[in-house]
Protein backbone atom coordinates (compact mmCIF):
# COMPACT_ATOMS: atom_id res chain seq x y z
CA UNK A 1 -2.79 -58.00 78.60
CA UNK A 2 0.00 -55.24 79.44
CA UNK A 3 2.78 -58.16 78.40
CA UNK A 4 1.00 -59.07 75.22
CA UNK A 5 0.76 -55.23 73.75
CA UNK A 6 4.28 -54.93 75.37
CA UNK A 7 5.15 -57.87 72.86
CA UNK A 8 3.09 -55.97 69.78
CA UNK A 9 5.48 -53.10 70.50
CA UNK A 10 8.49 -55.08 70.30
CA UNK A 11 7.67 -56.32 67.49
CA UNK A 12 6.17 -53.54 65.26
CA UNK A 13 9.49 -51.40 66.51
CA UNK A 14 11.86 -54.19 65.36
CA UNK A 15 13.84 -54.57 68.28
CA UNK A 16 13.59 -58.05 68.72
CA UNK A 17 17.08 -59.11 66.76
CA UNK A 18 18.65 -56.32 69.20
CA UNK A 19 16.98 -58.01 71.99
CA UNK A 20 18.57 -61.57 71.00
CA UNK A 21 22.16 -59.76 70.63
CA UNK A 22 22.15 -57.93 73.77
CA UNK A 23 21.25 -61.80 75.39
CA UNK A 24 23.93 -63.26 73.45
CA UNK A 25 26.25 -60.78 75.09
CA UNK A 26 24.86 -61.38 78.54
CA UNK A 27 25.56 -65.35 78.07
CA UNK A 28 29.05 -64.38 76.66
CA UNK A 29 29.47 -61.97 80.07
CA UNK A 30 28.22 -64.85 82.08
CA UNK A 31 30.90 -67.16 80.48
CA UNK A 32 33.68 -65.07 80.96
CA UNK A 33 32.82 -64.89 84.95
CA UNK A 34 32.86 -68.16 85.33
CA UNK A 35 36.39 -68.15 83.83
CA UNK A 36 37.07 -64.69 85.52
CA UNK A 37 35.33 -63.76 88.92
CA UNK A 38 36.70 -60.54 89.35
CA UNK A 39 36.02 -58.67 86.30
CA UNK A 40 31.98 -58.38 86.27
CA UNK A 41 29.53 -57.54 89.11
CA UNK A 42 27.25 -60.46 89.81
CA UNK A 43 24.35 -58.50 90.88
CA UNK A 44 24.54 -56.42 87.61
CA UNK A 45 24.71 -59.12 85.34
CA UNK A 46 21.74 -61.15 87.58
CA UNK A 47 19.66 -57.69 87.01
CA UNK A 48 20.63 -57.86 83.02
CA UNK A 49 19.43 -61.44 82.62
CA UNK A 50 16.13 -60.58 84.58
CA UNK A 51 14.99 -58.05 82.41
CA UNK A 52 15.85 -59.93 79.31
CA UNK A 53 14.08 -63.01 80.27
CA UNK A 54 10.81 -60.55 81.37
CA UNK A 55 11.41 -59.14 77.52
CA UNK A 56 11.22 -62.21 75.93
CA UNK A 57 8.12 -63.49 78.38
CA UNK A 58 6.28 -60.64 77.15
CA UNK A 59 7.28 -61.80 73.32
CA UNK A 60 6.01 -65.16 73.63
CA UNK A 61 2.93 -63.90 75.60
CA UNK A 62 1.58 -61.85 72.66
CA UNK A 63 -1.59 -63.23 71.76
CA UNK A 64 -3.43 -62.83 67.92
CA UNK A 65 -5.96 -59.51 69.65
CA UNK A 66 -2.91 -57.54 70.39
CA UNK A 67 -1.64 -58.37 67.00
CA UNK A 68 -4.97 -57.51 65.64
CA UNK A 69 -5.11 -53.97 67.26
CA UNK A 70 -1.06 -53.80 66.79
CA UNK A 71 -2.25 -54.03 62.47
CA UNK A 72 -5.52 -51.59 63.23
CA UNK A 73 -3.22 -49.04 64.51
CA UNK A 74 -0.77 -49.49 61.53
CA UNK A 75 -3.24 -49.91 59.04
CA UNK A 76 -5.18 -46.35 60.65
CA UNK A 77 -1.92 -44.58 60.30
CA UNK A 78 -1.59 -46.14 56.87
CA UNK A 79 -4.82 -44.65 56.39
CA UNK A 80 -3.70 -41.47 57.55
CA UNK A 81 -0.65 -41.15 55.28
CA UNK A 82 -2.78 -42.60 51.99
CA UNK A 83 -5.47 -39.25 52.60
CA UNK A 84 -2.56 -36.87 53.19
CA UNK A 85 -0.75 -38.16 50.04
CA UNK A 86 -4.48 -37.44 48.36
CA UNK A 87 -4.84 -33.58 49.95
CA UNK A 88 -1.00 -32.93 48.66
CA UNK A 89 -1.86 -34.45 45.35
CA UNK A 90 -5.11 -32.28 44.91
CA UNK A 91 -2.94 -29.09 46.21
CA UNK A 92 -0.15 -30.11 44.16
CA UNK A 93 -2.58 -30.13 41.16
CA UNK A 94 -4.00 -27.38 41.95
CA UNK A 95 -1.03 -25.64 42.17
CA UNK A 96 0.27 -27.04 38.47
CA UNK A 97 -3.07 -25.28 37.42
CA UNK A 98 -2.69 -22.15 38.15
CA UNK A 99 1.06 -22.46 37.02
CA UNK A 100 0.28 -23.51 33.53
CA UNK A 101 -3.05 -20.47 33.39
CA UNK A 102 0.35 -17.93 34.24
CA UNK A 103 2.29 -19.80 31.72
CA UNK A 104 -0.52 -19.27 29.04
CA UNK A 105 -0.44 -15.62 30.44
CA UNK A 106 2.84 -14.94 29.86
CA UNK A 107 2.48 -16.59 26.60
CA UNK A 108 -0.21 -13.88 25.35
CA UNK A 109 2.00 -11.02 27.18
CA UNK A 110 4.91 -12.22 25.20
CA UNK A 111 3.04 -12.16 21.75
CA UNK A 112 1.76 -8.78 22.48
CA UNK A 113 4.99 -7.53 23.25
CA UNK A 114 6.08 -8.62 19.92
CA UNK A 115 3.26 -7.27 18.51
CA UNK A 116 3.99 -4.01 20.10
CA UNK A 117 7.34 -4.45 18.97
CA UNK A 118 6.62 -4.39 15.61
CA UNK A 119 4.53 -1.69 15.60
CA UNK A 120 6.91 0.25 16.97
CA UNK A 121 9.52 -0.71 14.38
CA UNK A 122 6.85 0.62 11.63
CA UNK A 123 6.23 3.91 13.48
CA UNK A 124 10.19 4.27 14.23
CA UNK A 125 10.66 3.80 10.02
CA UNK A 126 8.09 6.20 9.07
CA UNK A 127 9.38 8.67 11.99
CA UNK A 128 12.75 8.14 9.61
CA UNK A 129 10.95 8.45 6.79
CA UNK A 130 9.37 12.02 7.91
CA UNK A 131 12.85 12.94 8.90
CA UNK A 132 13.96 12.86 5.72
CA UNK A 133 11.36 14.46 4.04
CA UNK A 134 11.82 17.50 6.47
CA UNK A 135 15.66 17.63 5.93
CA UNK A 136 14.40 18.27 2.37
CA UNK A 137 12.33 20.68 3.15
CA UNK A 138 15.00 22.41 5.28
CA UNK A 139 17.55 22.18 2.06
CA UNK A 140 14.72 23.82 -0.10
CA UNK A 141 14.21 26.46 2.47
CA UNK A 142 17.84 26.89 2.47
CA UNK A 143 17.78 27.62 -0.96
CA UNK A 144 15.34 29.85 -0.78
CA UNK A 145 16.85 31.99 2.13
CA UNK A 146 19.85 32.17 -0.33
CA UNK A 147 18.06 33.66 -3.23
CA UNK A 148 16.49 36.37 -0.94
CA UNK A 149 19.84 36.73 0.54
CA UNK A 150 21.19 37.47 -2.93
CA UNK A 151 17.83 39.59 -3.62
CA UNK A 152 18.37 41.56 -0.72
CA UNK A 153 22.60 41.89 -1.36
CA UNK A 154 21.07 43.18 -5.21
CA UNK A 155 18.64 45.56 -3.41
CA UNK A 156 20.80 46.92 -1.12
CA UNK A 157 23.61 47.34 -4.31
CA UNK A 158 20.67 49.47 -6.32
CA UNK A 159 20.29 51.63 -3.00
CA UNK A 160 23.58 52.88 -2.82
CA UNK A 161 23.82 53.61 -6.74
CA UNK A 162 26.95 50.96 -7.44
CA UNK A 163 24.78 49.73 -10.50
CA UNK A 164 24.53 52.85 -11.71
CA UNK A 165 26.23 51.54 -15.19
CA UNK A 166 23.55 48.33 -15.35
CA UNK A 167 20.88 50.84 -15.48
CA UNK A 168 22.48 52.61 -18.19
CA UNK A 169 22.89 49.92 -19.84
CA UNK A 170 19.45 49.14 -19.97
CA UNK A 171 18.04 52.34 -20.68
CA UNK A 172 20.45 51.96 -24.03
CA UNK A 173 18.92 48.98 -24.93
CA UNK A 174 15.40 49.96 -24.43
CA UNK A 175 16.44 52.94 -26.70
CA UNK A 176 17.60 50.53 -29.58
CA UNK A 177 14.84 47.60 -29.63
CA UNK A 178 10.71 47.98 -28.46
CA UNK A 179 10.79 47.27 -25.00
CA UNK A 180 6.83 46.11 -25.09
CA UNK A 181 5.72 43.45 -27.56
CA UNK A 182 2.42 42.78 -28.70
CA UNK A 183 1.13 39.64 -29.39
CA UNK A 184 -1.20 38.26 -32.08
CA UNK A 185 -4.12 38.63 -29.44
CA UNK A 186 -4.22 42.77 -29.72
CA UNK A 187 -6.25 42.34 -32.54
CA UNK A 188 -9.31 41.91 -30.82
CA UNK A 189 -9.37 45.01 -28.94
CA UNK A 190 -10.16 46.72 -32.71
CA UNK A 191 -12.59 43.34 -32.94
CA UNK A 192 -14.47 44.54 -29.78
CA UNK A 193 -15.31 48.13 -31.11
CA UNK A 194 -16.75 46.20 -34.05
CA UNK A 195 -18.94 43.97 -32.66
CA UNK A 196 -19.70 47.05 -30.47
CA UNK A 197 -20.86 49.30 -33.41
CA UNK A 198 -22.84 46.07 -35.39
CA UNK A 199 -24.77 45.41 -31.97
CA UNK A 200 -25.90 48.42 -31.35
CA UNK A 201 -27.45 50.09 -34.82
CA UNK A 202 -27.89 53.83 -35.10
CA UNK A 203 -31.58 54.53 -35.50
CA UNK A 204 -31.92 57.70 -37.66
CA UNK A 205 -35.23 59.96 -36.27
CA UNK A 206 -37.72 60.57 -38.42
CA UNK A 207 -39.69 63.52 -39.13
CA UNK A 208 -43.05 64.03 -39.62
CA UNK A 209 -44.08 67.38 -41.78
CA UNK A 210 -47.35 67.38 -40.26
CA UNK A 211 -46.26 67.62 -36.77
CA UNK A 212 -43.89 70.46 -37.73
CA UNK A 213 -44.53 73.53 -36.34
CA UNK A 214 -42.08 76.77 -37.38
CA UNK A 215 -43.24 78.72 -34.36
CA UNK A 216 -42.25 76.18 -31.89
CA UNK A 217 -38.89 76.13 -30.54
CA UNK A 218 -36.76 73.23 -31.64
CA UNK A 219 -36.73 70.71 -28.91
CA UNK A 220 -33.70 69.47 -28.15
CA UNK A 221 -33.15 65.82 -28.49
CA UNK A 222 -31.25 64.36 -25.99
CA UNK A 223 -27.76 62.91 -27.49
CA UNK A 224 -27.39 59.17 -26.33
CA UNK A 225 -23.48 59.15 -25.39
CA UNK A 226 -22.22 55.48 -25.86
CA UNK A 227 -19.15 54.45 -23.58
CA UNK A 228 -16.80 52.29 -25.14
CA UNK A 229 -14.52 49.69 -23.19
CA UNK A 230 -11.51 49.16 -24.98
CA UNK A 231 -9.61 45.86 -23.72
CA UNK A 232 -6.29 45.26 -24.93
CA UNK A 233 -5.43 41.42 -24.01
CA UNK A 234 -1.82 42.57 -24.75
CA UNK A 235 1.53 39.88 -23.79
CA UNK A 236 3.77 42.77 -22.35
CA UNK A 237 7.26 41.13 -21.48
CA UNK A 238 8.98 43.40 -19.76
CA UNK A 239 12.29 40.70 -17.74
CA UNK A 240 14.16 39.55 -21.30
CA UNK A 241 14.61 43.01 -22.29
CA UNK A 242 15.52 44.57 -19.31
CA UNK A 243 17.99 41.55 -17.98
CA UNK A 244 18.67 40.86 -21.87
CA UNK A 245 18.88 38.09 -23.95
CA UNK A 246 19.75 34.13 -22.53
CA UNK A 247 22.84 35.00 -20.31
């Protein structure tokens, strides 16, 4: 049994060719010893020859049962290798599925980032438009401030009496030309009076001769006072007369 197992192990390990080569070297060494007896140790050569003979005997005594056992062991190892390969394949498949899912997630994230970038671009363009509008408003405020500054300077000049000549010219112009101009709508004030008189006709008191008593004192009839509200739609233009005609 041991010899057969050893032979199967030797065959399975692939050392048969190695044993044959060693045997050839030993035979060559024996031939050399015959020609030169002082070159090799005879005891060592004999031990090697016996070892090789035992190995060859083990190889020749291997039976079919031992070969079947060896084949079963190899098949079992191959099955283990196949199972290991299947396990590795399943593991790699799961890893690939996870990787595909991560790639899809990265694509969605990239799409969201692109949408956010487009939205930020639109917001920046809107901000630029708002900034331009603010610049225009600031320019308008600058113009208004310049006008206020001019009016303040003019008011300071009036306060200091530096524009007395200007007011003298204005007084002279007012003496020459009428300062107040009435429009055609001023007639409506008189029309209001006529309408009031027409709408409220005066009733004359009637005296009954039978009711008159000479001896009785005269009763004073309270007089009704009519209040007249005058509304004049008058258009008065001062600025043109003060500043003068179109300058």
